[in-house]
Amino acid sequence: MDKKYKKVFIDALSLNGNQKVENIKYNEIDEWDSIGHMTLVSEIESAFNVTFDTDDIVNFSSYKEGKKILTKLGVKF
């Protein structure tokens, strides 16, 4: 699941595959602005067949936090 999660991040934010995505945070890079945030949420929901609630969307502030949210939603890493 780690590879799948990382790929969703790279694809949704149009990142260079060589970038170290594990440490990025919301609004820390140009690609992860408010529009990128909603694109990323949508892509993650689709890829993992989950639904983020409002609190999850607000709390989704980093790559690592996203993994915590997915774990809470039943995704195993």
C-alpha atoms as a PDB file:
ATOM      1  CA  MET A   1       0.000   0.000   0.000  1.00  0.00           C
ATOM      2  CA  ASP A   2       2.910   2.360   0.589  1.00  0.00           C
ATOM      3  CA  LYS A   3       3.786   2.339  -3.123  1.00  0.00           C
ATOM      4  CA  LYS A   4       0.162   2.870  -4.119  1.00  0.00           C
ATOM      5  CA  TYR A   5      -0.209   5.780  -1.675  1.00  0.00           C
ATOM      6  CA  LYS A   6       3.021   7.382  -2.864  1.00  0.00           C
ATOM      7  CA  LYS A   7       1.973   7.001  -6.511  1.00  0.00           C
ATOM      8  CA  VAL A   8      -1.364   8.713  -5.827  1.00  0.00           C
ATOM      9  CA  PHE A   9       0.525  11.624  -4.243  1.00  0.00           C
ATOM     10  CA  ILE A  10       2.945  11.902  -7.168  1.00  0.00           C
ATOM     11  CA  ASP A  11       0.194  11.656  -9.784  1.00  0.00           C
ATOM     12  CA  ALA A  12      -2.382  13.919  -8.101  1.00  0.00           C
ATOM     13  CA  LEU A  13       0.131  16.682  -7.432  1.00  0.00           C
ATOM     14  CA  SER A  14       2.101  16.152 -10.670  1.00  0.00           C
ATOM     15  CA  LEU A  15       5.324  15.682  -8.738  1.00  0.00           C
ATOM     16  CA  ASN A  16       8.663  14.484  -9.995  1.00  0.00           C
ATOM     17  CA  GLY A  17       8.992  10.802  -9.122  1.00  0.00           C
ATOM     18  CA  ASN A  18      12.421  11.531  -7.657  1.00  0.00           C
ATOM     19  CA  GLN A  19      11.053  13.961  -5.058  1.00  0.00           C
ATOM     20  CA  LYS A  20      10.983  12.754  -1.474  1.00  0.00           C
ATOM     21  CA  VAL A  21       7.231  12.937  -0.925  1.00  0.00           C
ATOM     22  CA  GLU A  22       7.238  11.327   2.522  1.00  0.00           C
ATOM     23  CA  ASN A  23       8.122  14.625   4.178  1.00  0.00           C
ATOM     24  CA  ILE A  24       5.953  17.097   2.284  1.00  0.00           C
ATOM     25  CA  LYS A  25       3.251  19.111   3.964  1.00  0.00           C
ATOM     26  CA  TYR A  26       0.226  21.057   2.805  1.00  0.00           C
ATOM     27  CA  ASN A  27       1.145  24.490   1.382  1.00  0.00           C
ATOM     28  CA  GLU A  28       4.850  23.667   1.718  1.00  0.00           C
ATOM     29  CA  ILE A  29       5.150  23.129  -2.031  1.00  0.00           C
ATOM     30  CA  ASP A  30       3.360  25.043  -4.785  1.00  0.00           C
ATOM     31  CA  GLU A  31       1.600  21.940  -6.086  1.00  0.00           C
ATOM     32  CA  TRP A  32      -0.150  21.263  -2.768  1.00  0.00           C
ATOM     33  CA  ASP A  33      -2.320  24.345  -2.534  1.00  0.00           C
ATOM     34  CA  SER A  34      -6.069  24.340  -1.849  1.00  0.00           C
ATOM     35  CA  ILE A  35      -6.922  23.057  -5.349  1.00  0.00           C
ATOM     36  CA  GLY A  36      -4.179  20.409  -5.161  1.00  0.00           C
ATOM     37  CA  HIS A  37      -5.486  19.443  -1.733  1.00  0.00           C
ATOM     38  CA  MET A  38      -8.971  18.662  -3.007  1.00  0.00           C
ATOM     39  CA  THR A  39      -7.553  16.847  -6.051  1.00  0.00           C
ATOM     40  CA  LEU A  40      -5.379  14.762  -3.755  1.00  0.00           C
ATOM     41  CA  VAL A  41      -8.270  13.957  -1.410  1.00  0.00           C
ATOM     42  CA  SER A  42     -10.416  12.894  -4.366  1.00  0.00           C
ATOM     43  CA  GLU A  43      -7.665  10.706  -5.837  1.00  0.00           C
ATOM     44  CA  ILE A  44      -6.940   9.050  -2.485  1.00  0.00           C
ATOM     45  CA  GLU A  45     -10.630   8.373  -1.880  1.00  0.00           C
ATOM     46  CA  SER A  46     -10.920   6.806  -5.319  1.00  0.00           C
ATOM     47  CA  ALA A  47      -7.717   4.751  -5.109  1.00  0.00           C
ATOM     48  CA  PHE A  48      -8.462   3.334  -1.664  1.00  0.00           C
ATOM     49  CA  ASN A  49     -12.283   3.243  -1.885  1.00  0.00           C
ATOM     50  CA  VAL A  50     -12.736   5.382   1.242  1.00  0.00           C
ATOM     51  CA  THR A  51     -14.492   8.639   2.072  1.00  0.00           C
ATOM     52  CA  PHE A  52     -12.837  11.398   4.061  1.00  0.00           C
ATOM     53  CA  ASP A  53     -15.142  13.276   6.398  1.00  0.00           C
ATOM     54  CA  THR A  54     -14.759  17.028   6.868  1.00  0.00           C
ATOM     55  CA  ASP A  55     -12.397  16.625   9.828  1.00  0.00           C
ATOM     56  CA  ASP A  56     -10.205  14.257   7.810  1.00  0.00           C
ATOM     57  CA  ILE A  57      -9.962  16.783   4.964  1.00  0.00           C
ATOM     58  CA  VAL A  58      -9.043  19.581   7.372  1.00  0.00           C
ATOM     59  CA  ASN A  59      -6.561  17.425   9.321  1.00  0.00           C
ATOM     60  CA  PHE A  60      -4.895  16.061   6.176  1.00  0.00           C
ATOM     61  CA  SER A  61      -1.868  18.321   6.449  1.00  0.00           C
ATOM     62  CA  SER A  62       0.994  16.059   5.430  1.00  0.00           C
ATOM     63  CA  TYR A  63       1.909  12.829   3.683  1.00  0.00           C
ATOM     64  CA  LYS A  64       2.303  11.147   7.076  1.00  0.00           C
ATOM     65  CA  GLU A  65      -1.018  12.479   8.380  1.00  0.00           C
ATOM     66  CA  GLY A  66      -2.738  11.090   5.283  1.00  0.00           C
ATOM     67  CA  LYS A  67      -1.444   7.626   6.142  1.00  0.00           C
ATOM     68  CA  LYS A  68      -2.841   7.984   9.668  1.00  0.00           C
ATOM     69  CA  ILE A  69      -6.240   8.974   8.286  1.00  0.00           C
ATOM     70  CA  LEU A  70      -6.254   6.046   5.862  1.00  0.00           C
ATOM     71  CA  THR A  71      -5.293   3.661   8.664  1.00  0.00           C
ATOM     72  CA  LYS A  72      -8.211   5.010  10.715  1.00  0.00           C
ATOM     73  CA  LEU A  73     -10.454   4.314   7.692  1.00  0.00           C
ATOM     74  CA  GLY A  74      -9.312   0.678   7.593  1.00  0.00           C
ATOM     75  CA  VAL A  75      -6.479   0.795   5.034  1.00  0.00           C
ATOM     76  CA  LYS A  76      -3.560  -1.445   6.023  1.00  0.00           C
ATOM     77  CA  PHE A  77      -0.001  -0.318   5.296  1.00  0.00           C
END
